[in-house]
PDB file of N, CA and C in Angstrom:
ATOM      1  N   MET A   1     -19.081  91.415  -3.037  1.00  0.00           N
ATOM      2  CA  MET A   1     -18.313  90.509  -3.787  1.00  0.00           C
ATOM      3  C   MET A   1     -18.703  89.030  -3.392  1.00  0.00           C
ATOM      4  N   ASN A   2     -18.922  88.145  -4.272  1.00  0.00           N
ATOM      5  CA  ASN A   2     -19.425  86.842  -3.957  1.00  0.00           C
ATOM      6  C   ASN A   2     -18.341  85.878  -3.209  1.00  0.00           C
ATOM      7  N   GLY A   3     -18.750  85.488  -2.101  1.00  0.00           N
ATOM      8  CA  GLY A   3     -17.856  84.592  -1.386  1.00  0.00           C
ATOM      9  C   GLY A   3     -16.560  85.210  -0.729  1.00  0.00           C
ATOM     10  N   GLU A   4     -16.418  86.339  -0.807  1.00  0.00           N
ATOM     11  CA  GLU A   4     -15.098  87.174  -0.278  1.00  0.00           C
ATOM     12  C   GLU A   4     -15.486  87.887   0.957  1.00  0.00           C
ATOM     13  N   ASN A   5     -14.333  87.930   1.818  1.00  0.00           N
ATOM     14  CA  ASN A   5     -14.188  88.650   3.034  1.00  0.00           C
ATOM     15  C   ASN A   5     -13.240  89.695   2.950  1.00  0.00           C
ATOM     16  N   ILE A   6     -13.518  90.899   3.003  1.00  0.00           N
ATOM     17  CA  ILE A   6     -12.512  91.916   2.915  1.00  0.00           C
ATOM     18  C   ILE A   6     -12.269  92.455   4.346  1.00  0.00           C
ATOM     19  N   LEU A   7     -10.890  92.456   4.659  1.00  0.00           N
ATOM     20  CA  LEU A   7     -10.664  93.022   5.986  1.00  0.00           C
ATOM     21  C   LEU A   7      -9.508  94.216   5.693  1.00  0.00           C
ATOM     22  N   THR A   8      -9.785  95.403   6.312  1.00  0.00           N
ATOM     23  CA  THR A   8      -8.929  96.560   6.026  1.00  0.00           C
ATOM     24  C   THR A   8      -8.597  96.928   7.335  1.00  0.00           C
ATOM     25  N   GLU A   9      -7.079  96.980   7.602  1.00  0.00           N
ATOM     26  CA  GLU A   9      -6.515  97.283   8.776  1.00  0.00           C
ATOM     27  C   GLU A   9      -5.291  98.115   8.403  1.00  0.00           C
ATOM     28  N   VAL A  10      -5.064  99.031   9.262  1.00  0.00           N
ATOM     29  CA  VAL A  10      -3.785 100.071   9.397  1.00  0.00           C
ATOM     30  C   VAL A  10      -2.976  99.488  10.337  1.00  0.00           C
ATOM     31  N   LEU A  11      -1.850  98.965  10.059  1.00  0.00           N
ATOM     32  CA  LEU A  11      -0.757  98.555  11.062  1.00  0.00           C
ATOM     33  C   LEU A  11       0.475  99.395  11.229  1.00  0.00           C
ATOM     34  N   THR A  12       0.997  99.538  12.324  1.00  0.00           N
ATOM     35  CA  THR A  12       2.357  99.912  12.464  1.00  0.00           C
ATOM     36  C   THR A  12       3.450  98.747  12.383  1.00  0.00           C
ATOM     37  N   GLU A  13       4.676  99.191  12.189  1.00  0.00           N
ATOM     38  CA  GLU A  13       5.719  98.209  11.880  1.00  0.00           C
ATOM     39  C   GLU A  13       5.702  96.920  12.888  1.00  0.00           C
ATOM     40  N   ASP A  14       5.361  97.158  14.056  1.00  0.00           N
ATOM     41  CA  ASP A  14       5.546  96.020  14.980  1.00  0.00           C
ATOM     42  C   ASP A  14       4.266  95.512  15.469  1.00  0.00           C
ATOM     43  N   GLU A  15       3.115  95.634  14.680  1.00  0.00           N
ATOM     44  CA  GLU A  15       1.753  94.882  14.943  1.00  0.00           C
ATOM     45  C   GLU A  15       1.773  93.838  13.852  1.00  0.00           C
ATOM     46  N   GLU A  16       0.736  92.934  14.304  1.00  0.00           N
ATOM     47  CA  GLU A  16       0.390  91.795  13.424  1.00  0.00           C
ATOM     48  C   GLU A  16      -1.077  91.464  13.463  1.00  0.00           C
ATOM     49  N   ILE A  17      -1.638  90.842  12.406  1.00  0.00           N
ATOM     50  CA  ILE A  17      -3.011  90.351  12.406  1.00  0.00           C
ATOM     51  C   ILE A  17      -2.967  88.841  12.395  1.00  0.00           C
ATOM     52  N   ILE A  18      -3.659  88.163  13.200  1.00  0.00           N
ATOM     53  CA  ILE A  18      -3.811  86.644  13.108  1.00  0.00           C
ATOM     54  C   ILE A  18      -5.297  86.359  12.715  1.00  0.00           C
ATOM     55  N   LEU A  19      -5.296  85.753  11.636  1.00  0.00           N
ATOM     56  CA  LEU A  19      -6.724  85.344  11.225  1.00  0.00           C
ATOM     57  C   LEU A  19      -6.840  83.733  11.041  1.00  0.00           C
ATOM     58  N   ASN A  20      -8.056  83.310  11.556  1.00  0.00           N
ATOM     59  CA  ASN A  20      -8.298  81.876  11.284  1.00  0.00           C
ATOM     60  C   ASN A  20      -9.148  81.775  10.085  1.00  0.00           C
ATOM     61  N   LEU A  21      -8.740  81.326   9.069  1.00  0.00           N
ATOM     62  CA  LEU A  21      -9.341  81.136   7.659  1.00  0.00           C
ATOM     63  C   LEU A  21      -9.395  79.633   7.387  1.00  0.00           C
ATOM     64  N   SER A  22      -9.818  78.875   8.252  1.00  0.00           N
ATOM     65  CA  SER A  22      -9.749  77.388   8.150  1.00  0.00           C
ATOM     66  C   SER A  22     -10.459  76.778   6.814  1.00  0.00           C
ATOM     67  N   ASP A  23     -11.662  77.592   6.375  1.00  0.00           N
ATOM     68  CA  ASP A  23     -12.360  77.196   5.272  1.00  0.00           C
ATOM     69  C   ASP A  23     -11.868  77.618   3.969  1.00  0.00           C
ATOM     70  N   ALA A  24     -11.009  78.680   3.961  1.00  0.00           N
ATOM     71  CA  ALA A  24     -10.586  79.370   2.707  1.00  0.00           C
ATOM     72  C   ALA A  24      -9.622  78.488   1.812  1.00  0.00           C
ATOM     73  N   LYS A  25      -9.936  78.478   0.563  1.00  0.00           N
ATOM     74  CA  LYS A  25      -9.128  77.868  -0.494  1.00  0.00           C
ATOM     75  C   LYS A  25      -7.967  78.700  -0.996  1.00  0.00           C
ATOM     76  N   GLU A  26      -8.302  79.986  -1.019  1.00  0.00           N
ATOM     77  CA  GLU A  26      -7.278  80.921  -1.330  1.00  0.00           C
ATOM     78  C   GLU A  26      -7.453  82.034  -0.519  1.00  0.00           C
ATOM     79  N   ILE A  27      -6.181  82.791  -0.243  1.00  0.00           N
ATOM     80  CA  ILE A  27      -6.181  84.086   0.414  1.00  0.00           C
ATOM     81  C   ILE A  27      -5.340  85.015  -0.314  1.00  0.00           C
ATOM     82  N   ILE A  28      -5.779  86.227  -0.580  1.00  0.00           N
ATOM     83  CA  ILE A  28      -4.938  87.273  -1.327  1.00  0.00           C
ATOM     84  C   ILE A  28      -4.795  88.515  -0.295  1.00  0.00           C
ATOM     85  N   LEU A  29      -3.415  88.633   0.031  1.00  0.00           N
ATOM     86  CA  LEU A  29      -3.060  89.670   0.803  1.00  0.00           C
ATOM     87  C   LEU A  29      -2.448  90.857   0.076  1.00  0.00           C
ATOM     88  N   THR A  30      -2.915  91.947   0.321  1.00  0.00           N
ATOM     89  CA  THR A  30      -2.394  93.171  -0.291  1.00  0.00           C
ATOM     90  C   THR A  30      -2.018  94.255   0.591  1.00  0.00           C
ATOM     91  N   ALA A  31      -0.734  94.801   0.578  1.00  0.00           N
ATOM     92  CA  ALA A  31      -0.304  95.725   1.394  1.00  0.00           C
ATOM     93  C   ALA A  31       0.089  96.893   0.724  1.00  0.00           C
ATOM     94  N   GLU A  32      -0.380  98.070   0.924  1.00  0.00           N
ATOM     95  CA  GLU A  32      -0.249  99.278   0.283  1.00  0.00           C
ATOM     96  C   GLU A  32       0.247 100.483   0.976  1.00  0.00           C
ATOM     97  N   ILE A  33       0.796 101.370   0.503  1.00  0.00           N
ATOM     98  CA  ILE A  33       1.247 102.637   1.173  1.00  0.00           C
ATOM     99  C   ILE A  33       0.049 103.389   1.306  1.00  0.00           C
ATOM    100  N   ILE A  34       0.015 104.003   2.513  1.00  0.00           N
ATOM    101  CA  ILE A  34      -1.190 104.855   2.986  1.00  0.00           C
ATOM    102  C   ILE A  34      -1.046 106.094   2.180  1.00  0.00           C
ATOM    103  N   GLY A  35      -2.189 106.434   1.483  1.00  0.00           N
ATOM    104  CA  GLY A  35      -2.049 107.667   0.546  1.00  0.00           C
ATOM    105  C   GLY A  35      -1.711 107.447  -0.861  1.00  0.00           C
ATOM    106  N   ASN A  36      -1.191 106.312  -1.190  1.00  0.00           N
ATOM    107  CA  ASN A  36      -0.775 105.970  -2.479  1.00  0.00           C
ATOM    108  C   ASN A  36      -1.134 104.554  -2.962  1.00  0.00           C
ATOM    109  N   ALA A  37      -2.260 104.183  -3.308  1.00  0.00           N
ATOM    110  CA  ALA A  37      -2.616 102.970  -3.518  1.00  0.00           C
ATOM    111  C   ALA A  37      -1.946 102.255  -4.995  1.00  0.00           C
ATOM    112  N   ASN A  38      -1.109 103.113  -5.588  1.00  0.00           N
ATOM    113  CA  ASN A  38      -0.310 102.659  -6.588  1.00  0.00           C
ATOM    114  C   ASN A  38       0.926 102.008  -6.258  1.00  0.00           C
ATOM    115  N   VAL A  39       1.301 101.916  -4.984  1.00  0.00           N
ATOM    116  CA  VAL A  39       2.465 101.327  -4.436  1.00  0.00           C
ATOM    117  C   VAL A  39       2.003 100.215  -3.495  1.00  0.00           C
ATOM    118  N   TYR A  40       2.220  98.987  -4.092  1.00  0.00           N
ATOM    119  CA  TYR A  40       1.800  97.900  -3.162  1.00  0.00           C
ATOM    120  C   TYR A  40       2.380  96.696  -3.306  1.00  0.00           C
ATOM    121  N   ASP A  41       2.233  95.640  -2.332  1.00  0.00           N
ATOM    122  CA  ASP A  41       2.722  94.209  -2.740  1.00  0.00           C
ATOM    123  C   ASP A  41       1.529  93.382  -2.480  1.00  0.00           C
ATOM    124  N   ARG A  42       1.522  92.331  -3.172  1.00  0.00           N
ATOM    125  CA  ARG A  42       0.527  91.205  -3.148  1.00  0.00           C
ATOM    126  C   ARG A  42       0.946  89.825  -3.142  1.00  0.00           C
ATOM    127  N   ALA A  43       0.352  89.168  -2.144  1.00  0.00           N
ATOM    128  CA  ALA A  43       0.693  87.680  -2.145  1.00  0.00           C
ATOM    129  C   ALA A  43      -0.482  86.880  -2.214  1.00  0.00           C
ATOM    130  N   ILE A  44      -0.462  85.811  -2.773  1.00  0.00           N
ATOM    131  CA  ILE A  44      -1.652  84.932  -3.176  1.00  0.00           C
ATOM    132  C   ILE A  44      -1.266  83.590  -2.486  1.00  0.00           C
ATOM    133  N   ILE A  45      -2.089  83.072  -1.441  1.00  0.00           N
ATOM    134  CA  ILE A  45      -1.731  81.975  -0.691  1.00  0.00           C
ATOM    135  C   ILE A  45      -2.947  80.836  -1.091  1.00  0.00           C
ATOM    136  N   LYS A  46      -2.538  79.881  -1.705  1.00  0.00           N
ATOM    137  CA  LYS A  46      -3.479  78.758  -2.185  1.00  0.00           C
ATOM    138  C   LYS A  46      -3.243  77.464  -1.388  1.00  0.00           C
ATOM    139  N   ARG A  47      -4.320  76.948  -0.934  1.00  0.00           N
ATOM    140  CA  ARG A  47      -4.211  75.748  -0.317  1.00  0.00           C
ATOM    141  C   ARG A  47      -4.287  74.575  -1.332  1.00  0.00           C
ATOM    142  N   ILE A  48      -3.266  73.805  -1.173  1.00  0.00           N
ATOM    143  CA  ILE A  48      -3.282  72.666  -2.287  1.00  0.00           C
ATOM    144  C   ILE A  48      -3.332  71.223  -1.609  1.00  0.00           C
ATOM    145  N   GLY A  49      -3.690  70.291  -2.309  1.00  0.00           N
ATOM    146  CA  GLY A  49      -3.721  68.922  -1.825  1.00  0.00           C
ATOM    147  C   GLY A  49      -2.456  68.189  -1.761  1.00  0.00           C
ATOM    148  N   ASP A  50      -2.431  66.938  -1.100  1.00  0.00           N
ATOM    149  CA  ASP A  50      -1.290  66.123  -1.011  1.00  0.00           C
ATOM    150  C   ASP A  50      -0.464  65.935  -2.339  1.00  0.00           C
ATOM    151  N   LEU A  51      -1.145  65.465  -3.509  1.00  0.00           N
ATOM    152  CA  LEU A  51      -0.514  65.247  -4.605  1.00  0.00           C
ATOM    153  C   LEU A  51       0.125  66.461  -5.194  1.00  0.00           C
ATOM    154  N   ALA A  52      -0.316  67.671  -5.114  1.00  0.00           N
ATOM    155  CA  ALA A  52       0.202  68.884  -5.613  1.00  0.00           C
ATOM    156  C   ALA A  52       1.443  69.240  -4.755  1.00  0.00           C
ATOM    157  N   GLN A  53       1.319  68.942  -3.391  1.00  0.00           N
ATOM    158  CA  GLN A  53       2.549  69.193  -2.534  1.00  0.00           C
ATOM    159  C   GLN A  53       3.723  68.300  -3.008  1.00  0.00           C
ATOM    160  N   ILE A  54       3.346  67.064  -3.262  1.00  0.00           N
ATOM    161  CA  ILE A  54       4.566  66.139  -3.752  1.00  0.00           C
ATOM    162  C   ILE A  54       5.096  66.653  -5.024  1.00  0.00           C
ATOM    163  N   GLN A  55       4.214  66.974  -6.038  1.00  0.00           N
ATOM    164  CA  GLN A  55       4.729  67.507  -7.224  1.00  0.00           C
ATOM    165  C   GLN A  55       5.533  68.736  -7.108  1.00  0.00           C
ATOM    166  N   LEU A  56       5.216  69.656  -6.216  1.00  0.00           N
ATOM    167  CA  LEU A  56       5.784  70.865  -5.867  1.00  0.00           C
ATOM    168  C   LEU A  56       7.308  70.558  -5.394  1.00  0.00           C
ATOM    169  N   LYS A  57       7.275  69.699  -4.367  1.00  0.00           N
ATOM    170  CA  LYS A  57       8.417  69.313  -3.818  1.00  0.00           C
ATOM    171  C   LYS A  57       9.550  68.610  -4.788  1.00  0.00           C
ATOM    172  N   VAL A  58       9.019  67.724  -5.705  1.00  0.00           N
ATOM    173  CA  VAL A  58       9.553  67.256  -6.862  1.00  0.00           C
ATOM    174  C   VAL A  58      10.321  68.300  -7.722  1.00  0.00           C
ATOM    175  N   TRP A  59       9.592  69.377  -8.139  1.00  0.00           N
ATOM    176  CA  TRP A  59      10.046  70.338  -9.177  1.00  0.00           C
ATOM    177  C   TRP A  59      10.990  71.153  -8.377  1.00  0.00           C
ATOM    178  N   GLN A  60      10.915  71.534  -7.031  1.00  0.00           N
ATOM    179  CA  GLN A  60      11.873  72.414  -6.236  1.00  0.00           C
ATOM    180  C   GLN A  60      13.277  71.561  -6.179  1.00  0.00           C
ATOM    181  N   TRP A  61      13.091  70.143  -6.098  1.00  0.00           N
ATOM    182  CA  TRP A  61      14.239  69.292  -5.991  1.00  0.00           C
ATOM    183  C   TRP A  61      15.043  69.373  -7.264  1.00  0.00           C
ATOM    184  N   ILE A  62      14.259  69.329  -8.494  1.00  0.00           N
ATOM    185  CA  ILE A  62      14.778  69.465  -9.743  1.00  0.00           C
ATOM    186  C   ILE A  62      15.536  70.679  -9.940  1.00  0.00           C
ATOM    187  N   ASP A  63      14.867  71.876  -9.626  1.00  0.00           N
ATOM    188  CA  ASP A  63      15.396  73.151  -9.661  1.00  0.00           C
ATOM    189  C   ASP A  63      16.617  73.262  -8.867  1.00  0.00           C
ATOM    190  N   LYS A  64      16.769  72.684  -7.680  1.00  0.00           N
ATOM    191  CA  LYS A  64      17.916  72.743  -6.829  1.00  0.00           C
ATOM    192  C   LYS A  64      19.063  72.082  -7.500  1.00  0.00           C
ATOM    193  N   ILE A  65      18.911  70.824  -8.000  1.00  0.00           N
ATOM    194  CA  ILE A  65      19.956  70.083  -8.526  1.00  0.00           C
ATOM    195  C   ILE A  65      20.492  70.567  -9.957  1.00  0.00           C
ATOM    196  N   SER A  66      19.592  71.248 -10.632  1.00  0.00           N
ATOM    197  CA  SER A  66      19.913  71.788 -11.933  1.00  0.00           C
ATOM    198  C   SER A  66      20.626  73.124 -11.686  1.00  0.00           C
ATOM    199  N   GLY A  67      20.617  73.541 -10.651  1.00  0.00           N
ATOM    200  CA  GLY A  67      21.384  74.951 -10.285  1.00  0.00           C
ATOM    201  C   GLY A  67      20.480  76.179 -10.786  1.00  0.00           C
ATOM    202  N   LYS A  68      19.218  76.119 -11.113  1.00  0.00           N
ATOM    203  CA  LYS A  68      18.305  77.233 -11.343  1.00  0.00           C
ATOM    204  C   LYS A  68      18.245  78.182  -9.982  1.00  0.00           C
TER     205      LYS A  68
END
């Protein structure tokens, strides 16, 4: 896969992985049940710039005061 790094690890409930991905713009984390790839959770983490962070905080503030 072009420009992608794939890491596969099996962890017990009290283990953790620490990754240094300083150049990554987007990280996709997928956790699945061993033996059943149809049961999974996925999180996408995107690095955003200062302006996008300000916009996000404004939208979060608007949501908070509007009671959503």
